[in-house]
């Protein structure tokens, strides 16, 4: 899912951090592991093997597995195009929703990254023991939905959408389709199929009006 850009402060160097440690490269590898396997299924063993470091080095640089995961989520969400920029820059809510869905379809089917959405796969695989992580991920999704809901309300007020447009339902539908496309992608769906799903989902949206 393309969402808000979350930045984490880089901790100061502490004892146990190797001089050759490439923090950004390590964070990228951790992101791919969590994306592929989910939060709980990614073990400290998996992380140390992929990052080529010892557990003390991970603790020295990132603090613990949860903080490493949240930084990996931040990396996943960052970039020149985020859900925040997509929604804010779209001329109306309908185009914002379409662009969110299309960006998700593309992001979930990248050739150099795992299929699906890191947020969705990690949340689904979290047990009750990781409820705090699950809630962090849910909060991110709620913020995206709230932004889209506000965009819908603004479009209605501007006369770009019918007055009876249900902002809550349309924003919820968009988030549900994004979640569903993540599952389809992990099951092997192609980008072409996901984009067809986007086209079908957009049929539920009212057409843009002239605003007059």
N, C-alpha and C. Protein backbone atom coordinates (compact mmCIF):
# COMPACT_ATOMS: atom_id res chain seq x y z
N UNK A 1 0.84 -1.18 0.00
CA UNK A 1 0.00 0.00 0.00
C UNK A 1 0.88 1.23 0.00
N UNK A 2 0.49 2.26 -0.83
CA UNK A 2 1.26 3.47 -0.86
C UNK A 2 0.65 4.40 0.17
N UNK A 3 1.42 4.81 1.16
CA UNK A 3 0.83 5.62 2.22
C UNK A 3 1.75 6.74 2.65
N UNK A 4 1.44 7.31 3.85
CA UNK A 4 2.19 8.45 4.33
C UNK A 4 3.64 8.12 4.57
N UNK A 5 4.46 9.11 4.43
CA UNK A 5 5.90 8.95 4.60
C UNK A 5 6.24 9.02 6.08
N UNK A 6 6.66 7.90 6.68
CA UNK A 6 7.02 7.86 8.09
C UNK A 6 8.52 7.86 8.20
N UNK A 7 9.09 8.83 8.89
CA UNK A 7 10.52 8.91 9.08
C UNK A 7 10.87 8.59 10.52
N UNK A 8 11.93 7.80 10.72
CA UNK A 8 12.39 7.47 12.05
C UNK A 8 13.77 8.07 12.25
N UNK A 9 14.02 8.56 13.46
CA UNK A 9 15.31 9.14 13.75
C UNK A 9 16.39 8.07 13.73
N UNK A 10 17.56 8.40 13.20
CA UNK A 10 18.67 7.46 13.17
C UNK A 10 19.36 7.51 14.52
N UNK A 11 19.43 6.37 15.24
CA UNK A 11 20.05 6.40 16.55
C UNK A 11 21.55 6.62 16.45
N UNK A 12 22.11 7.18 17.51
CA UNK A 12 23.55 7.37 17.54
C UNK A 12 24.25 6.03 17.66
N UNK A 13 25.49 5.98 17.22
CA UNK A 13 26.24 4.73 17.23
C UNK A 13 26.51 4.30 18.67
N UNK A 14 26.22 3.04 18.95
CA UNK A 14 26.46 2.48 20.27
C UNK A 14 27.39 1.29 20.17
N UNK A 15 27.91 0.89 21.30
CA UNK A 15 28.83 -0.24 21.33
C UNK A 15 28.17 -1.47 20.73
N UNK A 16 28.88 -2.18 19.87
CA UNK A 16 28.35 -3.39 19.26
C UNK A 16 28.01 -3.20 17.81
N UNK A 17 27.97 -1.97 17.35
CA UNK A 17 27.65 -1.71 15.95
C UNK A 17 28.94 -1.80 15.12
N UNK A 18 28.97 -2.72 14.13
CA UNK A 18 30.19 -2.86 13.33
C UNK A 18 30.46 -1.62 12.48
N UNK A 19 31.73 -1.28 12.30
CA UNK A 19 32.09 -0.10 11.54
C UNK A 19 31.60 -0.19 10.10
N UNK A 20 31.51 -1.42 9.57
CA UNK A 20 31.12 -1.59 8.17
C UNK A 20 29.61 -1.72 7.99
N UNK A 21 28.86 -1.54 9.05
CA UNK A 21 27.41 -1.74 9.00
C UNK A 21 26.76 -0.67 8.12
N UNK A 22 26.08 -1.11 7.08
CA UNK A 22 25.36 -0.20 6.19
C UNK A 22 23.91 -0.20 6.64
N UNK A 23 23.53 0.81 7.38
CA UNK A 23 22.21 0.85 8.00
C UNK A 23 21.08 0.82 6.97
N UNK A 24 21.21 1.60 5.92
CA UNK A 24 20.15 1.67 4.93
C UNK A 24 20.00 0.36 4.17
N UNK A 25 21.14 -0.27 3.84
CA UNK A 25 21.08 -1.56 3.15
C UNK A 25 20.45 -2.61 4.06
N UNK A 26 20.80 -2.58 5.34
CA UNK A 26 20.23 -3.53 6.30
C UNK A 26 18.73 -3.32 6.44
N UNK A 27 18.33 -2.06 6.50
CA UNK A 27 16.91 -1.76 6.64
C UNK A 27 16.13 -2.23 5.42
N UNK A 28 16.72 -2.08 4.25
CA UNK A 28 16.06 -2.53 3.02
C UNK A 28 15.88 -4.05 3.04
N UNK A 29 16.91 -4.78 3.45
CA UNK A 29 16.82 -6.24 3.52
C UNK A 29 15.78 -6.67 4.55
N UNK A 30 15.75 -5.98 5.68
CA UNK A 30 14.75 -6.29 6.71
C UNK A 30 13.34 -6.04 6.18
N UNK A 31 13.16 -4.95 5.45
CA UNK A 31 11.86 -4.63 4.87
C UNK A 31 11.39 -5.77 3.95
N UNK A 32 12.29 -6.27 3.11
CA UNK A 32 11.92 -7.34 2.18
C UNK A 32 11.55 -8.61 2.94
N UNK A 33 12.28 -8.90 4.01
CA UNK A 33 11.96 -10.09 4.81
C UNK A 33 10.59 -9.97 5.45
N UNK A 34 10.32 -8.85 6.11
CA UNK A 34 9.02 -8.65 6.74
C UNK A 34 7.91 -8.65 5.69
N UNK A 35 8.17 -8.08 4.55
CA UNK A 35 7.19 -8.02 3.46
C UNK A 35 6.86 -9.44 2.98
N UNK A 36 7.87 -10.27 2.88
CA UNK A 36 7.67 -11.63 2.36
C UNK A 36 7.01 -12.55 3.40
N UNK A 37 7.43 -12.45 4.66
CA UNK A 37 7.02 -13.43 5.66
C UNK A 37 6.08 -12.89 6.73
N UNK A 38 5.96 -11.57 6.85
CA UNK A 38 5.16 -11.01 7.92
C UNK A 38 6.00 -10.74 9.15
N UNK A 39 5.43 -10.05 10.11
CA UNK A 39 6.18 -9.63 11.30
C UNK A 39 6.60 -10.81 12.18
N UNK A 40 5.62 -11.59 12.63
CA UNK A 40 5.95 -12.65 13.59
C UNK A 40 6.71 -13.81 12.95
N UNK A 41 6.43 -14.11 11.71
CA UNK A 41 7.10 -15.24 11.06
C UNK A 41 8.55 -14.95 10.70
N UNK A 42 8.94 -13.67 10.74
CA UNK A 42 10.34 -13.30 10.49
C UNK A 42 11.09 -13.37 11.81
N UNK A 43 11.98 -14.33 11.94
CA UNK A 43 12.69 -14.53 13.19
C UNK A 43 13.96 -13.68 13.25
N UNK A 44 14.50 -13.55 14.45
CA UNK A 44 15.77 -12.84 14.62
C UNK A 44 16.87 -13.56 13.84
N UNK A 45 16.77 -14.88 13.77
CA UNK A 45 17.72 -15.68 12.98
C UNK A 45 17.67 -15.28 11.51
N UNK A 46 16.43 -15.15 10.99
CA UNK A 46 16.25 -14.74 9.59
C UNK A 46 16.89 -13.38 9.36
N UNK A 47 16.68 -12.47 10.30
CA UNK A 47 17.18 -11.12 10.15
C UNK A 47 18.71 -11.07 10.19
N UNK A 48 19.30 -11.78 11.15
CA UNK A 48 20.77 -11.73 11.25
C UNK A 48 21.42 -12.38 10.04
N UNK A 49 20.79 -13.44 9.51
CA UNK A 49 21.34 -14.09 8.32
C UNK A 49 21.27 -13.18 7.10
N UNK A 50 20.11 -12.55 6.91
CA UNK A 50 19.92 -11.69 5.74
C UNK A 50 20.75 -10.42 5.83
N UNK A 51 20.90 -9.89 7.04
CA UNK A 51 21.62 -8.64 7.21
C UNK A 51 23.12 -8.86 7.37
N UNK A 52 23.52 -10.11 7.66
CA UNK A 52 24.93 -10.42 7.82
C UNK A 52 25.53 -9.81 9.06
N UNK A 53 24.74 -9.74 10.13
CA UNK A 53 25.22 -9.17 11.38
C UNK A 53 24.83 -10.07 12.54
N UNK A 54 25.32 -9.75 13.72
CA UNK A 54 24.98 -10.51 14.92
C UNK A 54 23.79 -9.86 15.62
N UNK A 55 23.09 -10.61 16.48
CA UNK A 55 21.97 -10.01 17.22
C UNK A 55 22.36 -8.75 17.99
N UNK A 56 23.53 -8.71 18.65
CA UNK A 56 23.89 -7.47 19.36
C UNK A 56 23.97 -6.25 18.44
N UNK A 57 24.39 -6.49 17.19
CA UNK A 57 24.46 -5.37 16.25
C UNK A 57 23.08 -4.85 15.90
N UNK A 58 22.10 -5.76 15.73
CA UNK A 58 20.73 -5.34 15.45
C UNK A 58 20.18 -4.53 16.62
N UNK A 59 20.42 -5.03 17.85
CA UNK A 59 19.94 -4.32 19.02
C UNK A 59 20.61 -2.96 19.15
N UNK A 60 21.92 -2.91 18.85
CA UNK A 60 22.65 -1.65 18.99
C UNK A 60 22.16 -0.59 18.01
N UNK A 61 21.81 -1.01 16.80
CA UNK A 61 21.42 -0.05 15.76
C UNK A 61 19.93 0.24 15.78
N UNK A 62 19.10 -0.78 15.94
CA UNK A 62 17.65 -0.60 15.81
C UNK A 62 16.89 -0.71 17.12
N UNK A 63 17.50 -1.23 18.15
CA UNK A 63 16.82 -1.34 19.44
C UNK A 63 16.26 -2.72 19.69
N UNK A 64 15.28 -3.12 18.90
CA UNK A 64 14.71 -4.46 19.01
C UNK A 64 13.97 -4.78 17.73
N UNK A 65 13.39 -5.97 17.65
CA UNK A 65 12.72 -6.40 16.43
C UNK A 65 11.53 -5.51 16.09
N UNK A 66 10.77 -5.12 17.10
CA UNK A 66 9.60 -4.28 16.82
C UNK A 66 10.02 -2.95 16.22
N UNK A 67 11.05 -2.32 16.79
CA UNK A 67 11.49 -1.03 16.26
C UNK A 67 12.09 -1.18 14.86
N UNK A 68 12.78 -2.29 14.64
CA UNK A 68 13.31 -2.55 13.30
C UNK A 68 12.15 -2.71 12.32
N UNK A 69 11.11 -3.42 12.72
CA UNK A 69 9.95 -3.61 11.85
C UNK A 69 9.29 -2.27 11.53
N UNK A 70 9.09 -1.43 12.54
CA UNK A 70 8.43 -0.15 12.30
C UNK A 70 9.27 0.76 11.42
N UNK A 71 10.59 0.67 11.55
CA UNK A 71 11.45 1.43 10.62
C UNK A 71 11.33 0.86 9.21
N UNK A 72 11.23 -0.47 9.10
CA UNK A 72 11.06 -1.09 7.79
C UNK A 72 9.73 -0.66 7.17
N UNK A 73 8.70 -0.55 7.99
CA UNK A 73 7.41 -0.05 7.50
C UNK A 73 7.57 1.38 7.00
N UNK A 74 8.31 2.18 7.76
CA UNK A 74 8.55 3.55 7.34
C UNK A 74 9.24 3.62 6.00
N UNK A 75 10.20 2.73 5.78
CA UNK A 75 10.89 2.69 4.49
C UNK A 75 9.93 2.27 3.38
N UNK A 76 9.10 1.29 3.68
CA UNK A 76 8.11 0.80 2.71
C UNK A 76 7.15 1.92 2.29
N UNK A 77 6.80 2.76 3.25
CA UNK A 77 5.82 3.81 2.98
C UNK A 77 6.42 5.06 2.38
N UNK A 78 7.73 5.19 2.44
CA UNK A 78 8.37 6.43 1.98
C UNK A 78 8.62 6.39 0.48
N UNK A 79 8.90 7.54 -0.06
CA UNK A 79 9.17 7.63 -1.49
C UNK A 79 8.58 8.89 -2.07
N UNK A 80 8.84 9.14 -3.35
CA UNK A 80 8.32 10.36 -3.98
C UNK A 80 6.80 10.36 -4.12
N UNK A 81 6.19 9.17 -4.14
CA UNK A 81 4.73 9.08 -4.24
C UNK A 81 4.20 8.32 -3.04
N UNK A 82 3.35 8.96 -2.26
CA UNK A 82 2.75 8.33 -1.09
C UNK A 82 1.23 8.48 -1.17
N UNK A 83 0.53 7.80 -0.31
CA UNK A 83 -0.94 7.95 -0.32
C UNK A 83 -1.32 9.38 -0.01
N UNK A 84 -0.55 10.01 0.86
CA UNK A 84 -0.84 11.41 1.22
C UNK A 84 -0.71 12.31 -0.01
N UNK A 85 0.36 12.12 -0.78
CA UNK A 85 0.54 12.97 -1.97
C UNK A 85 -0.49 12.65 -3.05
N UNK A 86 -0.81 11.37 -3.18
CA UNK A 86 -1.81 10.97 -4.18
C UNK A 86 -3.15 11.63 -3.88
N UNK A 87 -3.57 11.56 -2.62
CA UNK A 87 -4.87 12.11 -2.25
C UNK A 87 -4.88 13.64 -2.32
N UNK A 88 -3.83 14.25 -1.80
CA UNK A 88 -3.81 15.72 -1.76
C UNK A 88 -3.68 16.34 -3.14
N UNK A 89 -2.97 15.68 -4.06
CA UNK A 89 -2.72 16.27 -5.37
C UNK A 89 -3.81 15.94 -6.40
N UNK A 90 -4.65 14.95 -6.11
CA UNK A 90 -5.71 14.61 -7.06
C UNK A 90 -6.73 15.75 -7.13
N UNK A 91 -7.27 16.04 -8.31
CA UNK A 91 -8.23 17.14 -8.46
C UNK A 91 -9.59 16.86 -7.80
N UNK A 92 -9.88 15.59 -7.56
CA UNK A 92 -11.14 15.23 -6.91
C UNK A 92 -10.99 13.86 -6.27
N UNK A 93 -11.96 13.48 -5.45
CA UNK A 93 -11.87 12.24 -4.69
C UNK A 93 -11.90 11.00 -5.58
N UNK A 94 -12.65 11.06 -6.67
CA UNK A 94 -12.73 9.89 -7.55
C UNK A 94 -11.36 9.57 -8.14
N UNK A 95 -10.67 10.60 -8.60
CA UNK A 95 -9.34 10.38 -9.15
C UNK A 95 -8.35 9.97 -8.07
N UNK A 96 -8.54 10.48 -6.86
CA UNK A 96 -7.67 10.08 -5.75
C UNK A 96 -7.81 8.59 -5.48
N UNK A 97 -9.06 8.12 -5.44
CA UNK A 97 -9.29 6.70 -5.19
C UNK A 97 -8.73 5.84 -6.31
N UNK A 98 -8.97 6.25 -7.55
CA UNK A 98 -8.45 5.50 -8.69
C UNK A 98 -6.93 5.43 -8.66
N UNK A 99 -6.29 6.56 -8.36
CA UNK A 99 -4.83 6.59 -8.34
C UNK A 99 -4.28 5.75 -7.20
N UNK A 100 -4.95 5.76 -6.05
CA UNK A 100 -4.53 4.91 -4.93
C UNK A 100 -4.60 3.44 -5.32
N UNK A 101 -5.70 3.06 -5.94
CA UNK A 101 -5.90 1.67 -6.33
C UNK A 101 -4.89 1.25 -7.40
N UNK A 102 -4.67 2.10 -8.36
CA UNK A 102 -3.71 1.76 -9.42
C UNK A 102 -2.29 1.67 -8.88
N UNK A 103 -1.93 2.58 -8.00
CA UNK A 103 -0.59 2.54 -7.40
C UNK A 103 -0.42 1.27 -6.57
N UNK A 104 -1.47 0.85 -5.88
CA UNK A 104 -1.41 -0.38 -5.10
C UNK A 104 -1.26 -1.59 -6.01
N UNK A 105 -2.03 -1.63 -7.09
CA UNK A 105 -1.93 -2.75 -8.03
C UNK A 105 -0.51 -2.87 -8.58
N UNK A 106 0.11 -1.76 -8.87
CA UNK A 106 1.48 -1.78 -9.39
C UNK A 106 2.47 -2.18 -8.30
N UNK A 107 2.29 -1.60 -7.10
CA UNK A 107 3.21 -1.90 -6.01
C UNK A 107 3.14 -3.34 -5.54
N UNK A 108 1.97 -3.95 -5.64
CA UNK A 108 1.79 -5.33 -5.16
C UNK A 108 2.33 -6.36 -6.15
N UNK A 109 2.70 -5.92 -7.34
CA UNK A 109 3.14 -6.86 -8.38
C UNK A 109 4.50 -6.47 -8.95
N UNK A 110 5.34 -5.88 -8.12
CA UNK A 110 6.67 -5.49 -8.56
C UNK A 110 7.54 -6.69 -8.89
N UNK A 111 8.46 -6.51 -9.81
CA UNK A 111 9.33 -7.63 -10.21
C UNK A 111 10.46 -7.87 -9.22
N UNK A 112 10.83 -6.86 -8.45
CA UNK A 112 11.97 -6.98 -7.53
C UNK A 112 11.56 -6.99 -6.07
N UNK A 113 10.27 -7.10 -5.81
CA UNK A 113 9.78 -7.08 -4.43
C UNK A 113 8.76 -8.21 -4.24
N UNK A 114 8.51 -8.60 -2.98
CA UNK A 114 7.50 -9.63 -2.73
C UNK A 114 6.12 -9.17 -3.18
N UNK A 115 5.27 -10.14 -3.43
CA UNK A 115 3.90 -9.81 -3.86
C UNK A 115 3.08 -9.31 -2.68
N UNK A 116 2.09 -8.49 -3.00
CA UNK A 116 1.16 -8.03 -1.98
C UNK A 116 1.66 -6.82 -1.21
N UNK A 117 1.01 -6.56 -0.09
CA UNK A 117 1.27 -5.38 0.74
C UNK A 117 1.93 -5.78 2.04
N UNK A 118 3.02 -5.13 2.40
CA UNK A 118 3.70 -5.44 3.66
C UNK A 118 2.77 -5.23 4.84
N UNK A 119 2.00 -4.15 4.84
CA UNK A 119 1.11 -3.86 5.95
C UNK A 119 0.05 -4.95 6.12
N UNK A 120 -0.55 -5.34 4.99
CA UNK A 120 -1.62 -6.33 5.04
C UNK A 120 -1.11 -7.69 5.47
N UNK A 121 0.00 -8.15 4.89
CA UNK A 121 0.51 -9.48 5.20
C UNK A 121 0.99 -9.55 6.64
N UNK A 122 1.58 -8.47 7.15
CA UNK A 122 2.06 -8.48 8.52
C UNK A 122 0.92 -8.45 9.52
N UNK A 123 -0.12 -7.67 9.21
CA UNK A 123 -1.26 -7.58 10.12
C UNK A 123 -2.01 -8.89 10.21
N UNK A 124 -2.20 -9.55 9.07
CA UNK A 124 -2.94 -10.81 9.05
C UNK A 124 -2.22 -11.89 9.84
N UNK A 125 -0.89 -11.86 9.78
CA UNK A 125 -0.12 -12.93 10.42
C UNK A 125 0.17 -12.67 11.89
N UNK A 126 -0.24 -11.50 12.41
CA UNK A 126 0.04 -11.17 13.81
C UNK A 126 -0.91 -11.90 14.76
N UNK A 127 -0.36 -12.53 15.78
CA UNK A 127 -1.18 -13.17 16.81
C UNK A 127 -1.52 -12.15 17.89
N UNK A 128 -2.27 -12.61 18.90
CA UNK A 128 -2.62 -11.71 20.00
C UNK A 128 -1.39 -11.21 20.74
N UNK A 129 -0.30 -11.95 20.66
CA UNK A 129 0.94 -11.56 21.34
C UNK A 129 1.55 -10.31 20.71
N UNK A 130 1.15 -10.01 19.48
CA UNK A 130 1.69 -8.84 18.78
C UNK A 130 0.58 -7.82 18.50
N UNK A 131 -0.35 -7.70 19.43
CA UNK A 131 -1.47 -6.78 19.24
C UNK A 131 -1.02 -5.33 19.07
N UNK A 132 0.09 -4.97 19.75
CA UNK A 132 0.56 -3.60 19.63
C UNK A 132 1.03 -3.29 18.21
N UNK A 133 1.69 -4.28 17.57
CA UNK A 133 2.12 -4.10 16.19
C UNK A 133 0.90 -4.04 15.27
N UNK A 134 -0.05 -4.93 15.51
CA UNK A 134 -1.27 -4.95 14.70
C UNK A 134 -1.99 -3.61 14.77
N UNK A 135 -2.02 -3.01 15.96
CA UNK A 135 -2.70 -1.73 16.14
C UNK A 135 -1.94 -0.61 15.43
N UNK A 136 -0.61 -0.67 15.45
CA UNK A 136 0.19 0.33 14.72
C UNK A 136 -0.17 0.30 13.22
N UNK A 137 -0.28 -0.90 12.67
CA UNK A 137 -0.60 -1.04 11.25
C UNK A 137 -2.03 -0.59 10.96
N UNK A 138 -2.95 -0.93 11.87
CA UNK A 138 -4.34 -0.51 11.69
C UNK A 138 -4.46 1.01 11.73
N UNK A 139 -3.67 1.64 12.59
CA UNK A 139 -3.70 3.10 12.71
C UNK A 139 -3.24 3.76 11.41
N UNK A 140 -2.24 3.17 10.76
CA UNK A 140 -1.77 3.70 9.47
C UNK A 140 -2.89 3.63 8.44
N UNK A 141 -3.56 2.48 8.39
CA UNK A 141 -4.65 2.33 7.41
C UNK A 141 -5.81 3.28 7.71
N UNK A 142 -6.10 3.47 9.00
CA UNK A 142 -7.18 4.39 9.36
C UNK A 142 -6.86 5.82 8.93
N UNK A 143 -5.60 6.20 9.03
CA UNK A 143 -5.22 7.56 8.62
C UNK A 143 -5.41 7.73 7.11
N UNK A 144 -5.06 6.71 6.35
CA UNK A 144 -5.25 6.79 4.89
C UNK A 144 -6.74 6.92 4.58
N UNK A 145 -7.54 6.08 5.22
CA UNK A 145 -8.99 6.11 4.98
C UNK A 145 -9.57 7.46 5.35
N UNK A 146 -9.09 8.03 6.47
CA UNK A 146 -9.61 9.33 6.91
C UNK A 146 -9.27 10.42 5.90
N UNK A 147 -8.07 10.37 5.34
CA UNK A 147 -7.70 11.37 4.33
C UNK A 147 -8.60 11.27 3.09
N UNK A 148 -8.85 10.03 2.67
CA UNK A 148 -9.70 9.85 1.49
C UNK A 148 -11.12 10.28 1.80
N UNK A 149 -11.60 9.97 2.99
CA UNK A 149 -12.95 10.37 3.40
C UNK A 149 -13.08 11.90 3.38
N UNK A 150 -12.04 12.59 3.88
CA UNK A 150 -12.07 14.06 3.88
C UNK A 150 -12.03 14.59 2.45
N UNK A 151 -11.30 13.90 1.58
CA UNK A 151 -11.24 14.32 0.18
C UNK A 151 -12.62 14.19 -0.48
N UNK A 152 -13.32 13.12 -0.13
CA UNK A 152 -14.68 12.92 -0.67
C UNK A 152 -15.59 14.05 -0.20
N UNK A 153 -15.52 14.35 1.09
CA UNK A 153 -16.36 15.43 1.63
C UNK A 153 -16.06 16.76 0.96
N UNK A 154 -14.77 17.01 0.71
CA UNK A 154 -14.38 18.25 0.03
C UNK A 154 -14.92 18.28 -1.40
N UNK A 155 -14.87 17.13 -2.07
CA UNK A 155 -15.37 17.06 -3.44
C UNK A 155 -16.88 17.27 -3.49
N UNK A 156 -17.58 16.75 -2.49
CA UNK A 156 -19.03 16.95 -2.41
C UNK A 156 -19.33 18.43 -2.19
N UNK A 157 -18.59 19.05 -1.26
CA UNK A 157 -18.81 20.47 -0.95
C UNK A 157 -18.50 21.36 -2.15
N UNK A 158 -17.57 20.91 -2.99
CA UNK A 158 -17.20 21.69 -4.17
C UNK A 158 -18.11 21.42 -5.35
N UNK A 159 -19.10 20.54 -5.17
CA UNK A 159 -20.03 20.22 -6.24
C UNK A 159 -19.47 19.26 -7.27
N UNK A 160 -18.33 18.59 -6.94
CA UNK A 160 -17.71 17.66 -7.88
C UNK A 160 -18.29 16.25 -7.76
N UNK A 161 -18.99 16.00 -6.67
CA UNK A 161 -19.65 14.71 -6.46
C UNK A 161 -21.06 14.97 -5.96
N UNK A 162 -21.99 14.04 -6.22
CA UNK A 162 -23.37 14.23 -5.78
C UNK A 162 -23.46 14.45 -4.27
N UNK A 163 -24.42 15.23 -3.85
CA UNK A 163 -24.59 15.57 -2.44
C UNK A 163 -24.86 14.34 -1.57
N UNK A 164 -25.44 13.31 -2.18
CA UNK A 164 -25.76 12.10 -1.40
C UNK A 164 -24.63 11.06 -1.42
N UNK A 165 -23.45 11.43 -1.86
CA UNK A 165 -22.32 10.50 -1.87
C UNK A 165 -21.97 10.10 -0.44
N UNK A 166 -21.81 8.81 -0.22
CA UNK A 166 -21.51 8.30 1.12
C UNK A 166 -20.00 8.22 1.29
N UNK A 167 -19.42 9.24 1.92
CA UNK A 167 -17.96 9.30 2.07
C UNK A 167 -17.42 8.12 2.87
N UNK A 168 -18.12 7.75 3.91
CA UNK A 168 -17.67 6.63 4.75
C UNK A 168 -17.62 5.33 3.95
N UNK A 169 -18.68 5.07 3.20
CA UNK A 169 -18.75 3.82 2.44
C UNK A 169 -17.74 3.79 1.30
N UNK A 170 -17.59 4.89 0.59
CA UNK A 170 -16.68 4.92 -0.55
C UNK A 170 -15.22 4.80 -0.11
N UNK A 171 -14.88 5.46 0.98
CA UNK A 171 -13.51 5.35 1.50
C UNK A 171 -13.27 3.93 2.01
N UNK A 172 -14.26 3.36 2.69
CA UNK A 172 -14.13 1.99 3.18
C UNK A 172 -14.02 0.99 2.05
N UNK A 173 -14.79 1.20 0.99
CA UNK A 173 -14.72 0.32 -0.17
C UNK A 173 -13.31 0.34 -0.77
N UNK A 174 -12.75 1.52 -0.91
CA UNK A 174 -11.41 1.64 -1.50
C UNK A 174 -10.38 0.89 -0.67
N UNK A 175 -10.44 1.05 0.64
CA UNK A 175 -9.49 0.35 1.52
C UNK A 175 -9.69 -1.17 1.45
N UNK A 176 -10.95 -1.59 1.37
CA UNK A 176 -11.24 -3.03 1.29
C UNK A 176 -10.70 -3.62 0.00
N UNK A 177 -10.83 -2.88 -1.10
CA UNK A 177 -10.32 -3.37 -2.39
C UNK A 177 -8.79 -3.46 -2.35
N UNK A 178 -8.15 -2.47 -1.74
CA UNK A 178 -6.69 -2.51 -1.61
C UNK A 178 -6.25 -3.75 -0.83
N UNK A 179 -6.93 -4.00 0.28
CA UNK A 179 -6.60 -5.18 1.09
C UNK A 179 -6.82 -6.46 0.28
N UNK A 180 -7.93 -6.50 -0.43
CA UNK A 180 -8.23 -7.69 -1.24
C UNK A 180 -7.23 -7.90 -2.36
N UNK A 181 -6.79 -6.81 -2.99
CA UNK A 181 -5.81 -6.94 -4.06
C UNK A 181 -4.49 -7.48 -3.53
N UNK A 182 -4.15 -7.13 -2.30
CA UNK A 182 -2.92 -7.67 -1.70
C UNK A 182 -3.00 -9.19 -1.61
N UNK A 183 -4.15 -9.68 -1.16
CA UNK A 183 -4.34 -11.14 -1.06
C UNK A 183 -4.28 -11.79 -2.45
N UNK A 184 -4.92 -11.17 -3.41
CA UNK A 184 -4.90 -11.72 -4.78
C UNK A 184 -3.47 -11.77 -5.32
N UNK A 185 -2.71 -10.72 -5.06
CA UNK A 185 -1.33 -10.68 -5.55
C UNK A 185 -0.49 -11.78 -4.90
N UNK A 186 -0.68 -11.99 -3.61
CA UNK A 186 0.07 -13.05 -2.92
C UNK A 186 -0.35 -14.43 -3.41
N UNK A 187 -1.56 -14.52 -3.92
CA UNK A 187 -2.04 -15.78 -4.50
C UNK A 187 -1.61 -15.95 -5.95
N UNK A 188 -0.90 -14.96 -6.49
CA UNK A 188 -0.37 -15.09 -7.85
C UNK A 188 -1.06 -14.28 -8.92
N UNK A 189 -2.00 -13.42 -8.54
CA UNK A 189 -2.69 -12.61 -9.54
C UNK A 189 -1.71 -11.67 -10.24
N UNK A 190 -1.92 -11.46 -11.53
CA UNK A 190 -1.05 -10.58 -12.31
C UNK A 190 -1.46 -9.13 -12.13
N UNK A 191 -0.58 -8.24 -12.56
CA UNK A 191 -0.90 -6.81 -12.51
C UNK A 191 -2.11 -6.51 -13.39
N UNK A 192 -2.19 -7.17 -14.54
CA UNK A 192 -3.32 -6.95 -15.44
C UNK A 192 -4.63 -7.27 -14.73
N UNK A 193 -4.66 -8.37 -14.00
CA UNK A 193 -5.89 -8.74 -13.29
C UNK A 193 -6.23 -7.71 -12.22
N UNK A 194 -5.23 -7.25 -11.47
CA UNK A 194 -5.49 -6.28 -10.41
C UNK A 194 -5.99 -4.96 -11.00
N UNK A 195 -5.46 -4.55 -12.13
CA UNK A 195 -5.94 -3.32 -12.76
C UNK A 195 -7.37 -3.48 -13.26
N UNK A 196 -7.74 -4.70 -13.65
CA UNK A 196 -9.14 -4.96 -14.02
C UNK A 196 -10.05 -4.86 -12.79
N UNK A 197 -9.53 -5.31 -11.64
CA UNK A 197 -10.27 -5.17 -10.38
C UNK A 197 -10.47 -3.69 -10.06
N UNK A 198 -9.43 -2.90 -10.29
CA UNK A 198 -9.53 -1.45 -10.06
C UNK A 198 -10.64 -0.86 -10.92
N UNK A 199 -10.68 -1.22 -12.19
CA UNK A 199 -11.72 -0.70 -13.09
C UNK A 199 -13.11 -1.09 -12.60
N UNK A 200 -13.25 -2.32 -12.12
CA UNK A 200 -14.55 -2.77 -11.63
C UNK A 200 -14.94 -2.02 -10.37
N UNK A 201 -13.98 -1.80 -9.47
CA UNK A 201 -14.27 -1.10 -8.22
C UNK A 201 -14.69 0.35 -8.49
N UNK A 202 -14.09 0.97 -9.49
CA UNK A 202 -14.40 2.37 -9.77
C UNK A 202 -15.81 2.55 -10.33
N UNK A 203 -16.44 1.47 -10.75
CA UNK A 203 -17.82 1.57 -11.23
C UNK A 203 -18.79 1.91 -10.08
N UNK A 204 -18.34 1.67 -8.85
CA UNK A 204 -19.18 2.01 -7.70
C UNK A 204 -19.13 3.49 -7.35
N UNK A 205 -18.17 4.20 -7.95
CA UNK A 205 -18.01 5.63 -7.66
C UNK A 205 -18.87 6.47 -8.60
N UNK A 206 -19.47 7.53 -8.08
CA UNK A 206 -20.22 8.44 -8.97
C UNK A 206 -19.25 9.18 -9.88
N UNK A 207 -19.72 9.53 -11.06
CA UNK A 207 -18.88 10.28 -11.99
C UNK A 207 -18.67 11.70 -11.47
N UNK A 208 -17.55 12.29 -11.86
CA UNK A 208 -17.23 13.65 -11.47
C UNK A 208 -18.19 14.62 -12.15
N UNK A 209 -18.68 15.58 -11.37
CA UNK A 209 -19.58 16.59 -11.90
C UNK A 209 -18.78 17.86 -12.24
N UNK A 210 -19.44 18.83 -12.84
CA UNK A 210 -18.71 20.02 -13.28
C UNK A 210 -18.49 21.05 -12.19
N UNK A 211 -19.08 20.81 -11.01
CA UNK A 211 -18.86 21.71 -9.89
C UNK A 211 -19.65 23.00 -9.93
N UNK A 212 -20.54 23.11 -10.86
CA UNK A 212 -21.34 24.34 -10.97
C UNK A 212 -22.72 24.14 -10.36
